[in-house]
Amino acid sequence: MRIPMRVDYGVRALVELAMRYGDGPVQTSAIAYRQGIPESYLERLMSALNKSGFVHSRRGPQGGHLLARPPQHVNLYEIMQELDGNSSPLDCLTLPTDCMFADCCAQKEIWQTVEDSIQKVLEGTTLAHLAERQCALTEGSTTRADDWQPVAGPVPASV
């Protein structure tokens, strides 16, 4: 499974905001610099995240972007759905009527299991988890990246 650049950049921008949650607006240029995202691309992406309700944007010299909800209430699955839409590994999982083998496909069960597993991990991983992990990694923590595990179960989409 490949994660589209739009999703990668969107998650990185939202994690940056989560790391600064409660500190006031963060300017697009600061997010772009810290996350290595082209600023012109990030401006369009932040506009989309604002329209979809993930961020609040303020104009002006004291402006910038803020998370619209607490980071512990935003999970990766909802971000991915918003930025990428259909994240199924195969179209037949979401459009079974388009496949002539829908009723007798040996592969369908395994791909459904893969999709369900990915969804469970993404639903159980919040911006708060990623912000905490990012802070630990950037502070030179001795915690290894492979020690991290997502929490089990879905996270509520709203407060």
C-alpha atoms as a PDB file:
ATOM      1  CA  MET A   1       0.000   0.000   0.000  1.00  0.00           C
ATOM      2  CA  ARG A   2       1.350   3.391  -0.976  1.00  0.00           C
ATOM      3  CA  ILE A   3       0.447   6.477   1.002  1.00  0.00           C
ATOM      4  CA  PRO A   4      -0.175   9.431  -1.334  1.00  0.00           C
ATOM      5  CA  MET A   5       2.058  12.481  -0.861  1.00  0.00           C
ATOM      6  CA  ARG A   6      -1.060  14.530  -0.060  1.00  0.00           C
ATOM      7  CA  VAL A   7      -1.807  12.273   2.926  1.00  0.00           C
ATOM      8  CA  ASP A   8       1.836  12.235   4.074  1.00  0.00           C
ATOM      9  CA  TYR A   9       2.109  16.027   3.927  1.00  0.00           C
ATOM     10  CA  GLY A  10      -1.323  16.480   5.499  1.00  0.00           C
ATOM     11  CA  VAL A  11      -0.507  14.226   8.437  1.00  0.00           C
ATOM     12  CA  ARG A  12       2.879  15.897   8.924  1.00  0.00           C
ATOM     13  CA  ALA A  13       1.263  19.344   8.948  1.00  0.00           C
ATOM     14  CA  LEU A  14      -1.411  18.218  11.410  1.00  0.00           C
ATOM     15  CA  VAL A  15       1.184  16.581  13.678  1.00  0.00           C
ATOM     16  CA  GLU A  16       3.112  19.861  13.657  1.00  0.00           C
ATOM     17  CA  LEU A  17      -0.060  21.630  14.825  1.00  0.00           C
ATOM     18  CA  ALA A  18      -0.688  18.912  17.420  1.00  0.00           C
ATOM     19  CA  MET A  19       2.818  19.410  18.830  1.00  0.00           C
ATOM     20  CA  ARG A  20       1.959  23.089  19.314  1.00  0.00           C
ATOM     21  CA  TYR A  21      -1.659  22.592  20.407  1.00  0.00           C
ATOM     22  CA  GLY A  22      -2.691  25.366  22.787  1.00  0.00           C
ATOM     23  CA  ASP A  23       0.227  27.644  21.839  1.00  0.00           C
ATOM     24  CA  GLY A  24      -1.701  29.759  19.333  1.00  0.00           C
ATOM     25  CA  PRO A  25      -1.718  29.865  15.532  1.00  0.00           C
ATOM     26  CA  VAL A  26       1.191  28.398  13.569  1.00  0.00           C
ATOM     27  CA  GLN A  27       2.059  30.061  10.267  1.00  0.00           C
ATOM     28  CA  THR A  28       2.157  28.059   7.048  1.00  0.00           C
ATOM     29  CA  SER A  29       5.772  29.056   6.457  1.00  0.00           C
ATOM     30  CA  ALA A  30       6.809  27.632   9.848  1.00  0.00           C
ATOM     31  CA  ILE A  31       5.032  24.332   9.190  1.00  0.00           C
ATOM     32  CA  ALA A  32       6.541  24.132   5.697  1.00  0.00           C
ATOM     33  CA  TYR A  33      10.045  24.794   7.011  1.00  0.00           C
ATOM     34  CA  ARG A  34       9.879  22.346   9.925  1.00  0.00           C
ATOM     35  CA  GLN A  35       8.275  19.568   7.898  1.00  0.00           C
ATOM     36  CA  GLY A  36      10.083  20.059   4.585  1.00  0.00           C
ATOM     37  CA  ILE A  37       6.868  20.641   2.649  1.00  0.00           C
ATOM     38  CA  PRO A  38       6.826  23.081  -0.295  1.00  0.00           C
ATOM     39  CA  GLU A  39       5.027  26.163   1.015  1.00  0.00           C
ATOM     40  CA  SER A  40       2.859  26.697  -2.079  1.00  0.00           C
ATOM     41  CA  TYR A  41       1.634  23.093  -1.879  1.00  0.00           C
ATOM     42  CA  LEU A  42       1.066  23.386   1.869  1.00  0.00           C
ATOM     43  CA  GLU A  43      -1.044  26.533   1.421  1.00  0.00           C
ATOM     44  CA  ARG A  44      -3.480  24.612  -0.794  1.00  0.00           C
ATOM     45  CA  LEU A  45      -3.438  21.636   1.557  1.00  0.00           C
ATOM     46  CA  MET A  46      -4.127  23.794   4.630  1.00  0.00           C
ATOM     47  CA  SER A  47      -7.043  25.380   2.785  1.00  0.00           C
ATOM     48  CA  ALA A  48      -8.481  21.899   2.171  1.00  0.00           C
ATOM     49  CA  LEU A  49      -7.901  20.916   5.818  1.00  0.00           C
ATOM     50  CA  ASN A  50      -9.655  24.125   6.890  1.00  0.00           C
ATOM     51  CA  LYS A  51     -12.661  23.422   4.649  1.00  0.00           C
ATOM     52  CA  SER A  52     -12.893  19.851   5.929  1.00  0.00           C
ATOM     53  CA  GLY A  53     -12.895  20.984   9.564  1.00  0.00           C
ATOM     54  CA  PHE A  54      -9.499  19.683  10.698  1.00  0.00           C
ATOM     55  CA  VAL A  55      -8.016  23.152  11.196  1.00  0.00           C
ATOM     56  CA  HIS A  56      -9.117  26.705  11.839  1.00  0.00           C
ATOM     57  CA  SER A  57      -7.200  29.289   9.858  1.00  0.00           C
ATOM     58  CA  ARG A  58      -6.694  32.935  10.797  1.00  0.00           C
ATOM     59  CA  ARG A  59      -5.454  35.660   8.471  1.00  0.00           C
ATOM     60  CA  GLY A  60      -3.176  38.532   9.344  1.00  0.00           C
ATOM     61  CA  PRO A  61       0.164  39.118  11.047  1.00  0.00           C
ATOM     62  CA  GLN A  62      -0.862  37.100  14.117  1.00  0.00           C
ATOM     63  CA  GLY A  63      -2.608  34.524  11.957  1.00  0.00           C
ATOM     64  CA  GLY A  64      -1.889  30.951  11.130  1.00  0.00           C
ATOM     65  CA  HIS A  65      -3.461  27.567  11.682  1.00  0.00           C
ATOM     66  CA  LEU A  66      -4.850  25.779  14.730  1.00  0.00           C
ATOM     67  CA  LEU A  67      -6.250  22.292  15.144  1.00  0.00           C
ATOM     68  CA  ALA A  68     -10.044  22.472  15.183  1.00  0.00           C
ATOM     69  CA  ARG A  69     -10.279  19.595  17.697  1.00  0.00           C
ATOM     70  CA  PRO A  70      -7.984  18.306  20.425  1.00  0.00           C
ATOM     71  CA  PRO A  71      -5.263  16.071  18.930  1.00  0.00           C
ATOM     72  CA  GLN A  72      -6.440  13.060  20.928  1.00  0.00           C
ATOM     73  CA  HIS A  73      -9.766  13.239  19.069  1.00  0.00           C
ATOM     74  CA  VAL A  74      -8.374  13.178  15.519  1.00  0.00           C
ATOM     75  CA  ASN A  75      -7.340   9.799  14.123  1.00  0.00           C
ATOM     76  CA  LEU A  76      -5.345   8.947  11.022  1.00  0.00           C
ATOM     77  CA  TYR A  77      -8.180   7.046   9.379  1.00  0.00           C
ATOM     78  CA  GLU A  78     -10.419  10.104   9.173  1.00  0.00           C
ATOM     79  CA  ILE A  79      -7.522  12.205   7.860  1.00  0.00           C
ATOM     80  CA  MET A  80      -6.725   9.614   5.205  1.00  0.00           C
ATOM     81  CA  GLN A  81     -10.389   9.332   4.182  1.00  0.00           C
ATOM     82  CA  GLU A  82     -10.631  13.095   3.800  1.00  0.00           C
ATOM     83  CA  LEU A  83      -7.388  13.559   1.881  1.00  0.00           C
ATOM     84  CA  ASP A  84      -7.399  10.377  -0.206  1.00  0.00           C
ATOM     85  CA  GLY A  85     -10.991   9.154  -0.264  1.00  0.00           C
ATOM     86  CA  ASN A  86     -11.030   5.460  -1.057  1.00  0.00           C
ATOM     87  CA  SER A  87      -8.060   3.827   0.655  1.00  0.00           C
ATOM     88  CA  SER A  88      -9.028   0.263  -0.256  1.00  0.00           C
ATOM     89  CA  PRO A  89      -6.249  -1.884  -1.705  1.00  0.00           C
ATOM     90  CA  LEU A  90      -8.655  -2.987  -4.486  1.00  0.00           C
ATOM     91  CA  ASP A  91     -11.688  -1.313  -6.022  1.00  0.00           C
ATOM     92  CA  CYS A  92     -13.729  -4.502  -5.730  1.00  0.00           C
ATOM     93  CA  LEU A  93     -13.849  -4.092  -1.935  1.00  0.00           C
ATOM     94  CA  THR A  94     -15.803  -0.868  -2.254  1.00  0.00           C
ATOM     95  CA  LEU A  95     -17.501  -1.558  -5.606  1.00  0.00           C
ATOM     96  CA  PRO A  96     -18.168  -5.325  -5.623  1.00  0.00           C
ATOM     97  CA  THR A  97     -20.761  -5.071  -8.395  1.00  0.00           C
ATOM     98  CA  ASP A  98     -18.040  -3.919 -10.819  1.00  0.00           C
ATOM     99  CA  CYS A  99     -16.179  -7.224 -10.554  1.00  0.00           C
ATOM    100  CA  MET A 100     -17.261 -10.283 -12.504  1.00  0.00           C
ATOM    101  CA  PHE A 101     -15.574 -12.503  -9.884  1.00  0.00           C
ATOM    102  CA  ALA A 102     -17.185 -10.871  -6.833  1.00  0.00           C
ATOM    103  CA  ASP A 103     -19.030 -14.025  -5.758  1.00  0.00           C
ATOM    104  CA  CYS A 104     -16.179 -16.481  -6.329  1.00  0.00           C
ATOM    105  CA  CYS A 105     -12.921 -14.630  -5.658  1.00  0.00           C
ATOM    106  CA  ALA A 106     -10.376 -16.391  -3.460  1.00  0.00           C
ATOM    107  CA  GLN A 107      -8.365 -13.171  -3.042  1.00  0.00           C
ATOM    108  CA  LYS A 108     -11.183 -10.986  -1.790  1.00  0.00           C
ATOM    109  CA  GLU A 109     -11.095 -12.288   1.791  1.00  0.00           C
ATOM    110  CA  ILE A 110      -7.377 -11.666   2.234  1.00  0.00           C
ATOM    111  CA  TRP A 111      -7.582  -8.151   0.801  1.00  0.00           C
ATOM    112  CA  GLN A 112     -10.566  -7.411   3.033  1.00  0.00           C
ATOM    113  CA  THR A 113      -8.551  -8.604   6.039  1.00  0.00           C
ATOM    114  CA  VAL A 114      -5.661  -6.360   4.993  1.00  0.00           C
ATOM    115  CA  GLU A 115      -7.994  -3.381   4.622  1.00  0.00           C
ATOM    116  CA  ASP A 116      -9.654  -4.056   7.994  1.00  0.00           C
ATOM    117  CA  SER A 117      -6.266  -4.336   9.714  1.00  0.00           C
ATOM    118  CA  ILE A 118      -5.023  -1.082   8.215  1.00  0.00           C
ATOM    119  CA  GLN A 119      -8.239   0.686   9.175  1.00  0.00           C
ATOM    120  CA  LYS A 120      -7.982  -0.571  12.771  1.00  0.00           C
ATOM    121  CA  VAL A 121      -4.406   0.716  13.130  1.00  0.00           C
ATOM    122  CA  LEU A 122      -5.277   4.086  11.557  1.00  0.00           C
ATOM    123  CA  GLU A 123      -8.395   4.494  13.726  1.00  0.00           C
ATOM    124  CA  GLY A 124      -6.369   3.678  16.828  1.00  0.00           C
ATOM    125  CA  THR A 125      -3.646   6.205  16.065  1.00  0.00           C
ATOM    126  CA  THR A 126      -4.334   9.832  16.923  1.00  0.00           C
ATOM    127  CA  LEU A 127      -2.506  13.048  16.239  1.00  0.00           C
ATOM    128  CA  ALA A 128      -1.718  13.107  19.969  1.00  0.00           C
ATOM    129  CA  HIS A 129       0.064   9.747  19.679  1.00  0.00           C
ATOM    130  CA  LEU A 130       2.083  10.927  16.692  1.00  0.00           C
ATOM    131  CA  ALA A 131       2.917  14.291  18.274  1.00  0.00           C
ATOM    132  CA  GLU A 132       4.142  12.556  21.421  1.00  0.00           C
ATOM    133  CA  ARG A 133       6.199  10.130  19.362  1.00  0.00           C
ATOM    134  CA  GLN A 134       7.613  12.930  17.192  1.00  0.00           C
ATOM    135  CA  CYS A 135       8.658  14.909  20.270  1.00  0.00           C
ATOM    136  CA  ALA A 136      10.377  11.840  21.723  1.00  0.00           C
ATOM    137  CA  LEU A 137      12.253  11.203  18.484  1.00  0.00           C
ATOM    138  CA  THR A 138      13.350  14.803  17.988  1.00  0.00           C
ATOM    139  CA  GLU A 139      14.522  15.133  21.594  1.00  0.00           C
ATOM    140  CA  GLY A 140      17.010  12.322  21.029  1.00  0.00           C
ATOM    141  CA  SER A 141      15.054   9.841  23.081  1.00  0.00           C
ATOM    142  CA  THR A 142      16.494   6.367  23.518  1.00  0.00           C
ATOM    143  CA  THR A 143      13.068   4.945  22.682  1.00  0.00           C
ATOM    144  CA  ARG A 144      13.291   3.072  19.410  1.00  0.00           C
ATOM    145  CA  ALA A 145      10.776   3.620  16.617  1.00  0.00           C
ATOM    146  CA  ASP A 146       9.929  -0.095  16.497  1.00  0.00           C
ATOM    147  CA  ASP A 147       8.897  -0.004  20.189  1.00  0.00           C
ATOM    148  CA  TRP A 148       5.855   2.125  19.321  1.00  0.00           C
ATOM    149  CA  GLN A 149       2.445   0.457  19.136  1.00  0.00           C
ATOM    150  CA  PRO A 150      -0.898   2.102  18.304  1.00  0.00           C
ATOM    151  CA  VAL A 151      -3.677   1.940  20.845  1.00  0.00           C
ATOM    152  CA  ALA A 152      -6.334  -0.672  20.220  1.00  0.00           C
ATOM    153  CA  GLY A 153      -9.769   0.275  19.001  1.00  0.00           C
ATOM    154  CA  PRO A 154     -11.212   3.299  17.255  1.00  0.00           C
ATOM    155  CA  VAL A 155     -10.891   6.811  18.605  1.00  0.00           C
ATOM    156  CA  PRO A 156     -13.994   9.035  18.673  1.00  0.00           C
ATOM    157  CA  ALA A 157     -14.161  11.363  15.670  1.00  0.00           C
ATOM    158  CA  SER A 158     -15.646  14.246  17.625  1.00  0.00           C
ATOM    159  CA  VAL A 159     -16.033  15.551  21.136  1.00  0.00           C
END
